[in-house]
All heavy atoms as atom14 arrays in JSON, in Angstrom:
{
  "sequence": "DSATQYVQLAFFSKCQALSIGEQLDAGFRYLDIRL",
  "atom14_mask": [
    [1, 1, 1, 1, 1, 1, 1, 1, 0, 0, 0, 0, 0, 0],
    [1, 1, 1, 1, 1, 1, 0, 0, 0, 0, 0, 0, 0, 0],
    [1, 1, 1, 1, 1, 0, 0, 0, 0, 0, 0, 0, 0, 0],
    [1, 1, 1, 1, 1, 1, 1, 0, 0, 0, 0, 0, 0, 0],
    [1, 1, 1, 1, 1, 1, 1, 1, 1, 0, 0, 0, 0, 0],
    [1, 1, 1, 1, 1, 1, 1, 1, 1, 1, 1, 1, 0, 0],
    [1, 1, 1, 1, 1, 1, 1, 0, 0, 0, 0, 0, 0, 0],
    [1, 1, 1, 1, 1, 1, 1, 1, 1, 0, 0, 0, 0, 0],
    [1, 1, 1, 1, 1, 1, 1, 1, 0, 0, 0, 0, 0, 0],
    [1, 1, 1, 1, 1, 0, 0, 0, 0, 0, 0, 0, 0, 0],
    [1, 1, 1, 1, 1, 1, 1, 1, 1, 1, 1, 0, 0, 0],
    [1, 1, 1, 1, 1, 1, 1, 1, 1, 1, 1, 0, 0, 0],
    [1, 1, 1, 1, 1, 1, 0, 0, 0, 0, 0, 0, 0, 0],
    [1, 1, 1, 1, 1, 1, 1, 1, 1, 0, 0, 0, 0, 0],
    [1, 1, 1, 1, 1, 1, 0, 0, 0, 0, 0, 0, 0, 0],
    [1, 1, 1, 1, 1, 1, 1, 1, 1, 0, 0, 0, 0, 0],
    [1, 1, 1, 1, 1, 0, 0, 0, 0, 0, 0, 0, 0, 0],
    [1, 1, 1, 1, 1, 1, 1, 1, 0, 0, 0, 0, 0, 0],
    [1, 1, 1, 1, 1, 1, 0, 0, 0, 0, 0, 0, 0, 0],
    [1, 1, 1, 1, 1, 1, 1, 1, 0, 0, 0, 0, 0, 0],
    [1, 1, 1, 1, 0, 0, 0, 0, 0, 0, 0, 0, 0, 0],
    [1, 1, 1, 1, 1, 1, 1, 1, 1, 0, 0, 0, 0, 0],
    [1, 1, 1, 1, 1, 1, 1, 1, 1, 0, 0, 0, 0, 0],
    [1, 1, 1, 1, 1, 1, 1, 1, 0, 0, 0, 0, 0, 0],
    [1, 1, 1, 1, 1, 1, 1, 1, 0, 0, 0, 0, 0, 0],
    [1, 1, 1, 1, 1, 0, 0, 0, 0, 0, 0, 0, 0, 0],
    [1, 1, 1, 1, 0, 0, 0, 0, 0, 0, 0, 0, 0, 0],
    [1, 1, 1, 1, 1, 1, 1, 1, 1, 1, 1, 0, 0, 0],
    [1, 1, 1, 1, 1, 1, 1, 1, 1, 1, 1, 0, 0, 0],
    [1, 1, 1, 1, 1, 1, 1, 1, 1, 1, 1, 1, 0, 0],
    [1, 1, 1, 1, 1, 1, 1, 1, 0, 0, 0, 0, 0, 0],
    [1, 1, 1, 1, 1, 1, 1, 1, 0, 0, 0, 0, 0, 0],
    [1, 1, 1, 1, 1, 1, 1, 1, 0, 0, 0, 0, 0, 0],
    [1, 1, 1, 1, 1, 1, 1, 1, 1, 1, 1, 0, 0, 0],
    [1, 1, 1, 1, 1, 1, 1, 1, 0, 0, 0, 0, 0, 0]
  ],
  "atom14_positions": [
    [[0.85, -1.2, 0.0], [0.0, 0.0, 0.0], [0.89, 1.25, 0.0], [0.86, 2.07, 0.92], [-0.95, 0.0, 1.18], [-2.32, -0.58, 0.82], [-2.94, -0.04, -0.11], [-2.75, -1.56, 1.43], [0.0, 0.0, 0.0], [0.0, 0.0, 0.0], [0.0, 0.0, 0.0], [0.0, 0.0, 0.0], [0.0, 0.0, 0.0], [0.0, 0.0, 0.0]],
    [[1.64, 1.39, -1.07], [2.75, 2.33, -1.12], [2.34, 3.79, -0.97], [3.14, 4.62, -0.53], [3.5, 2.15, -2.45], [3.95, 0.82, -2.59], [0.0, 0.0, 0.0], [0.0, 0.0, 0.0], [0.0, 0.0, 0.0], [0.0, 0.0, 0.0], [0.0, 0.0, 0.0], [0.0, 0.0, 0.0], [0.0, 0.0, 0.0], [0.0, 0.0, 0.0]],
    [[1.11, 4.13, -1.32], [0.71, 5.54, -1.39], [0.0, 6.05, -0.15], [-0.63, 7.1, -0.18], [-0.19, 5.76, -2.61], [0.0, 0.0, 0.0], [0.0, 0.0, 0.0], [0.0, 0.0, 0.0], [0.0, 0.0, 0.0], [0.0, 0.0, 0.0], [0.0, 0.0, 0.0], [0.0, 0.0, 0.0], [0.0, 0.0, 0.0], [0.0, 0.0, 0.0]],
    [[0.11, 5.34, 0.98], [-0.71, 5.66, 2.15], [0.0, 6.51, 3.2], [-0.39, 6.49, 4.37], [-1.21, 4.36, 2.81], [-0.1, 3.5, 3.09], [-2.19, 3.63, 1.9], [0.0, 0.0, 0.0], [0.0, 0.0, 0.0], [0.0, 0.0, 0.0], [0.0, 0.0, 0.0], [0.0, 0.0, 0.0], [0.0, 0.0, 0.0], [0.0, 0.0, 0.0]],
    [[1.0, 7.28, 2.81], [1.62, 8.18, 3.8], [0.57, 9.1, 4.42], [0.57, 9.33, 5.63], [2.71, 9.01, 3.12], [3.4, 9.98, 4.07], [4.35, 10.93, 3.36], [4.15, 11.27, 2.19], [5.4, 11.35, 4.04], [0.0, 0.0, 0.0], [0.0, 0.0, 0.0], [0.0, 0.0, 0.0], [0.0, 0.0, 0.0], [0.0, 0.0, 0.0]],
    [[-0.3, 9.63, 3.58], [-1.43, 10.43, 4.05], [-2.7, 9.79, 3.49], [-2.85, 9.65, 2.27], [-1.32, 11.88, 3.57], [-0.04, 12.56, 3.99], [0.94, 12.88, 3.05], [0.21, 12.86, 5.33], [2.12, 13.5, 3.43], [1.39, 13.47, 5.72], [2.35, 13.79, 4.75], [3.52, 14.39, 5.14], [0.0, 0.0, 0.0], [0.0, 0.0, 0.0]],
    [[-3.61, 9.38, 4.38], [-4.78, 8.62, 3.95], [-5.91, 8.84, 4.95], [-5.67, 9.12, 6.13], [-4.41, 7.12, 3.84], [-4.01, 6.54, 5.2], [-5.51, 6.3, 3.18], [0.0, 0.0, 0.0], [0.0, 0.0, 0.0], [0.0, 0.0, 0.0], [0.0, 0.0, 0.0], [0.0, 0.0, 0.0], [0.0, 0.0, 0.0], [0.0, 0.0, 0.0]],
    [[-7.12, 8.76, 4.47], [-8.28, 8.84, 5.37], [-8.26, 7.67, 6.36], [-7.75, 6.6, 6.06], [-9.57, 8.81, 4.54], [-9.75, 9.98, 3.6], [-10.92, 9.79, 2.65], [-11.28, 8.69, 2.3], [-11.51, 10.9, 2.23], [0.0, 0.0, 0.0], [0.0, 0.0, 0.0], [0.0, 0.0, 0.0], [0.0, 0.0, 0.0], [0.0, 0.0, 0.0]],
    [[-8.87, 7.89, 7.53], [-8.93, 6.87, 8.58], [-7.55, 6.25, 8.78], [-7.35, 5.03, 8.76], [-9.95, 5.78, 8.22], [-11.39, 6.25, 7.99], [-12.29, 5.06, 7.68], [-11.91, 7.03, 9.17], [0.0, 0.0, 0.0], [0.0, 0.0, 0.0], [0.0, 0.0, 0.0], [0.0, 0.0, 0.0], [0.0, 0.0, 0.0], [0.0, 0.0, 0.0]],
    [[-6.58, 7.13, 9.01], [-5.17, 6.72, 8.99], [-4.83, 5.68, 10.03], [-3.93, 4.86, 9.82], [-4.28, 7.95, 9.17], [0.0, 0.0, 0.0], [0.0, 0.0, 0.0], [0.0, 0.0, 0.0], [0.0, 0.0, 0.0], [0.0, 0.0, 0.0], [0.0, 0.0, 0.0], [0.0, 0.0, 0.0], [0.0, 0.0, 0.0], [0.0, 0.0, 0.0]],
    [[-5.51, 5.66, 11.16], [-5.2, 4.67, 12.2], [-5.31, 3.26, 11.65], [-4.51, 2.38, 11.99], [-6.16, 4.85, 13.38], [-5.83, 3.95, 14.56], [-4.86, 4.34, 15.49], [-6.5, 2.76, 14.74], [-4.57, 3.51, 16.57], [-6.21, 1.94, 15.83], [-5.25, 2.32, 16.75], [0.0, 0.0, 0.0], [0.0, 0.0, 0.0], [0.0, 0.0, 0.0]],
    [[-6.3, 3.03, 10.77], [-6.51, 1.72, 10.17], [-5.85, 1.58, 8.8], [-5.51, 0.47, 8.39], [-8.01, 1.45, 10.0], [-8.8, 1.55, 11.28], [-9.84, 2.46, 11.38], [-8.49, 0.76, 12.37], [-10.58, 2.56, 12.56], [-9.22, 0.85, 13.54], [-10.27, 1.76, 13.64], [0.0, 0.0, 0.0], [0.0, 0.0, 0.0], [0.0, 0.0, 0.0]],
    [[-5.69, 2.67, 8.08], [-5.32, 2.61, 6.67], [-3.88, 2.99, 6.36], [-3.38, 2.64, 5.29], [-6.26, 3.51, 5.85], [-7.59, 3.07, 5.93], [0.0, 0.0, 0.0], [0.0, 0.0, 0.0], [0.0, 0.0, 0.0], [0.0, 0.0, 0.0], [0.0, 0.0, 0.0], [0.0, 0.0, 0.0], [0.0, 0.0, 0.0], [0.0, 0.0, 0.0]],
    [[-3.22, 3.72, 7.24], [-1.86, 4.16, 6.95], [-0.89, 2.98, 7.05], [-0.83, 2.29, 8.06], [-1.44, 5.25, 7.94], [-0.04, 5.79, 7.73], [0.28, 6.9, 8.73], [1.69, 7.42, 8.56], [2.0, 8.52, 9.52], [0.0, 0.0, 0.0], [0.0, 0.0, 0.0], [0.0, 0.0, 0.0], [0.0, 0.0, 0.0], [0.0, 0.0, 0.0]],
    [[-0.12, 2.78, 5.98], [0.87, 1.69, 5.94], [2.28, 2.18, 5.66], [3.22, 1.38, 5.76], [0.48, 0.67, 4.87], [-1.1, -0.14, 5.17], [0.0, 0.0, 0.0], [0.0, 0.0, 0.0], [0.0, 0.0, 0.0], [0.0, 0.0, 0.0], [0.0, 0.0, 0.0], [0.0, 0.0, 0.0], [0.0, 0.0, 0.0], [0.0, 0.0, 0.0]],
    [[2.43, 3.45, 5.3], [3.76, 3.99, 5.0], [3.92, 5.38, 5.62], [2.95, 6.13, 5.73], [3.99, 4.08, 3.48], [3.86, 2.78, 2.75], [4.83, 1.71, 3.23], [5.94, 2.01, 3.66], [4.42, 0.45, 3.14], [0.0, 0.0, 0.0], [0.0, 0.0, 0.0], [0.0, 0.0, 0.0], [0.0, 0.0, 0.0], [0.0, 0.0, 0.0]],
    [[5.16, 5.69, 6.02], [5.46, 7.02, 6.55], [6.31, 7.83, 5.57], [6.56, 9.0, 5.8], [6.19, 6.91, 7.88], [0.0, 0.0, 0.0], [0.0, 0.0, 0.0], [0.0, 0.0, 0.0], [0.0, 0.0, 0.0], [0.0, 0.0, 0.0], [0.0, 0.0, 0.0], [0.0, 0.0, 0.0], [0.0, 0.0, 0.0], [0.0, 0.0, 0.0]],
    [[6.75, 7.19, 4.48], [7.52, 7.88, 3.44], [6.65, 8.07, 2.21], [5.78, 7.23, 1.9], [8.75, 7.05, 3.04], [10.03, 7.18, 3.88], [9.8, 6.7, 5.31], [11.16, 6.37, 3.24], [0.0, 0.0, 0.0], [0.0, 0.0, 0.0], [0.0, 0.0, 0.0], [0.0, 0.0, 0.0], [0.0, 0.0, 0.0], [0.0, 0.0, 0.0]],
    [[6.87, 9.17, 1.5], [6.19, 9.39, 0.24], [6.73, 8.44, -0.81], [7.76, 7.77, -0.61], [6.38, 10.84, -0.22], [7.75, 11.05, -0.57], [0.0, 0.0, 0.0], [0.0, 0.0, 0.0], [0.0, 0.0, 0.0], [0.0, 0.0, 0.0], [0.0, 0.0, 0.0], [0.0, 0.0, 0.0], [0.0, 0.0, 0.0], [0.0, 0.0, 0.0]],
    [[6.08, 8.38, -1.96], [6.56, 7.53, -3.05], [7.99, 7.94, -3.43], [8.88, 7.09, -3.58], [5.63, 7.65, -4.28], [4.25, 7.07, -3.97], [6.25, 6.95, -5.49], [4.19, 5.58, -3.82], [0.0, 0.0, 0.0], [0.0, 0.0, 0.0], [0.0, 0.0, 0.0], [0.0, 0.0, 0.0], [0.0, 0.0, 0.0], [0.0, 0.0, 0.0]],
    [[8.22, 9.24, -3.59], [9.56, 9.7, -3.95], [10.6, 9.33, -2.91], [11.72, 8.91, -3.25], [0.0, 0.0, 0.0], [0.0, 0.0, 0.0], [0.0, 0.0, 0.0], [0.0, 0.0, 0.0], [0.0, 0.0, 0.0], [0.0, 0.0, 0.0], [0.0, 0.0, 0.0], [0.0, 0.0, 0.0], [0.0, 0.0, 0.0], [0.0, 0.0, 0.0]],
    [[10.25, 9.45, -1.63], [11.18, 9.09, -0.56], [11.45, 7.59, -0.55], [12.57, 7.15, -0.26], [10.62, 9.55, 0.79], [10.64, 11.05, 0.97], [9.89, 11.52, 2.21], [8.95, 10.8, 2.65], [10.22, 12.59, 2.74], [0.0, 0.0, 0.0], [0.0, 0.0, 0.0], [0.0, 0.0, 0.0], [0.0, 0.0, 0.0], [0.0, 0.0, 0.0]],
    [[10.43, 6.79, -0.84], [10.63, 5.35, -0.91], [11.62, 4.97, -2.01], [12.5, 4.13, -1.82], [9.3, 4.64, -1.15], [8.34, 4.71, 0.02], [6.95, 4.22, -0.35], [6.78, 3.29, -1.15], [5.92, 4.85, 0.21], [0.0, 0.0, 0.0], [0.0, 0.0, 0.0], [0.0, 0.0, 0.0], [0.0, 0.0, 0.0], [0.0, 0.0, 0.0]],
    [[11.5, 5.6, -3.17], [12.4, 5.3, -4.27], [13.82, 5.74, -3.93], [14.79, 5.0, -4.19], [11.91, 5.99, -5.54], [10.55, 5.51, -6.06], [10.12, 6.34, -7.27], [10.59, 4.03, -6.41], [0.0, 0.0, 0.0], [0.0, 0.0, 0.0], [0.0, 0.0, 0.0], [0.0, 0.0, 0.0], [0.0, 0.0, 0.0], [0.0, 0.0, 0.0]],
    [[13.99, 6.91, -3.34], [15.31, 7.36, -2.92], [15.91, 6.41, -1.89], [17.13, 6.23, -1.83], [15.23, 8.77, -2.33], [15.08, 9.86, -3.4], [15.49, 9.61, -4.55], [14.57, 10.94, -3.06], [0.0, 0.0, 0.0], [0.0, 0.0, 0.0], [0.0, 0.0, 0.0], [0.0, 0.0, 0.0], [0.0, 0.0, 0.0], [0.0, 0.0, 0.0]],
    [[15.05, 5.82, -1.06], [15.51, 4.91, 0.0], [15.95, 3.55, -0.55], [16.59, 2.78, 0.17], [14.42, 4.7, 1.04], [0.0, 0.0, 0.0], [0.0, 0.0, 0.0], [0.0, 0.0, 0.0], [0.0, 0.0, 0.0], [0.0, 0.0, 0.0], [0.0, 0.0, 0.0], [0.0, 0.0, 0.0], [0.0, 0.0, 0.0], [0.0, 0.0, 0.0]],
    [[15.58, 3.24, -1.8], [15.99, 1.98, -2.39], [14.87, 1.0, -2.68], [15.12, -0.08, -3.22], [0.0, 0.0, 0.0], [0.0, 0.0, 0.0], [0.0, 0.0, 0.0], [0.0, 0.0, 0.0], [0.0, 0.0, 0.0], [0.0, 0.0, 0.0], [0.0, 0.0, 0.0], [0.0, 0.0, 0.0], [0.0, 0.0, 0.0], [0.0, 0.0, 0.0]],
    [[13.64, 1.34, -2.33], [12.52, 0.45, -2.61], [12.24, 0.46, -4.12], [12.21, 1.51, -4.75], [11.28, 0.87, -1.83], [11.42, 0.66, -0.35], [11.73, 1.71, 0.51], [11.27, -0.61, 0.19], [11.88, 1.5, 1.86], [11.42, -0.83, 1.55], [11.72, 0.23, 2.39], [0.0, 0.0, 0.0], [0.0, 0.0, 0.0], [0.0, 0.0, 0.0]],
    [[12.02, -0.73, -4.68], [11.85, -0.85, -6.13], [10.58, -1.59, -6.52], [10.34, -1.79, -7.72], [13.07, -1.56, -6.74], [14.37, -0.78, -6.56], [14.36, 0.5, -7.37], [15.57, 1.3, -7.2], [15.68, 2.31, -6.35], [14.63, 2.65, -5.58], [16.79, 2.99, -6.24], [0.0, 0.0, 0.0], [0.0, 0.0, 0.0], [0.0, 0.0, 0.0]],
    [[9.78, -2.0, -5.57], [8.48, -2.61, -5.83], [7.43, -1.7, -5.2], [7.45, -1.47, -3.99], [8.42, -4.01, -5.21], [7.09, -4.73, -5.28], [6.9, -5.8, -6.15], [6.02, -4.35, -4.46], [5.69, -6.48, -6.19], [4.8, -5.01, -4.51], [4.65, -6.08, -5.37], [3.43, -6.73, -5.42], [0.0, 0.0, 0.0], [0.0, 0.0, 0.0]],
    [[6.52, -1.18, -6.02], [5.45, -0.32, -5.53], [4.1, -1.01, -5.68], [3.75, -1.5, -6.77], [5.43, 1.01, -6.29], [6.65, 1.92, -6.15], [6.44, 3.21, -6.94], [6.94, 2.24, -4.68], [0.0, 0.0, 0.0], [0.0, 0.0, 0.0], [0.0, 0.0, 0.0], [0.0, 0.0, 0.0], [0.0, 0.0, 0.0], [0.0, 0.0, 0.0]],
    [[3.35, -1.04, -4.6], [2.02, -1.63, -4.54], [1.01, -0.5, -4.75], [0.71, 0.25, -3.81], [1.85, -2.31, -3.17], [0.48, -2.92, -2.97], [-0.26, -3.09, -3.96], [0.16, -3.25, -1.82], [0.0, 0.0, 0.0], [0.0, 0.0, 0.0], [0.0, 0.0, 0.0], [0.0, 0.0, 0.0], [0.0, 0.0, 0.0], [0.0, 0.0, 0.0]],
    [[0.53, -0.37, -5.97], [-0.31, 0.77, -6.36], [-1.77, 0.32, -6.41], [-2.15, -0.52, -7.23], [0.13, 1.32, -7.74], [1.61, 1.74, -7.7], [-0.76, 2.47, -8.16], [1.93, 2.83, -6.72], [0.0, 0.0, 0.0], [0.0, 0.0, 0.0], [0.0, 0.0, 0.0], [0.0, 0.0, 0.0], [0.0, 0.0, 0.0], [0.0, 0.0, 0.0]],
    [[-2.61, 0.89, -5.55], [-4.03, 0.55, -5.47], [-4.84, 1.73, -6.01], [-4.78, 2.83, -5.45], [-4.44, 0.26, -4.03], [-3.5, -0.69, -3.26], [-3.61, -2.12, -3.73], [-2.77, -3.02, -2.95], [-3.17, -3.73, -1.9], [-4.43, -3.63, -1.49], [-2.35, -4.54, -1.29], [0.0, 0.0, 0.0], [0.0, 0.0, 0.0], [0.0, 0.0, 0.0]],
    [[-5.6, 1.49, -7.08], [-6.31, 2.57, -7.74], [-7.82, 2.45, -7.56], [-8.37, 1.35, -7.52], [-5.99, 2.58, -9.24], [-4.52, 2.83, -9.62], [-4.36, 2.77, -11.13], [-4.04, 4.17, -9.08], [0.0, 0.0, 0.0], [0.0, 0.0, 0.0], [0.0, 0.0, 0.0], [0.0, 0.0, 0.0], [0.0, 0.0, 0.0], [0.0, 0.0, 0.0]]
  ]
}
């Protein structure tokens, strides 16, 4: 759930503390994109 740095009902839904750009800079190369 790569895009959940900021998300509604965050207590239940937030799965990341880094933005997509920060994740890529950090070395993550698999993005779970839910549309």
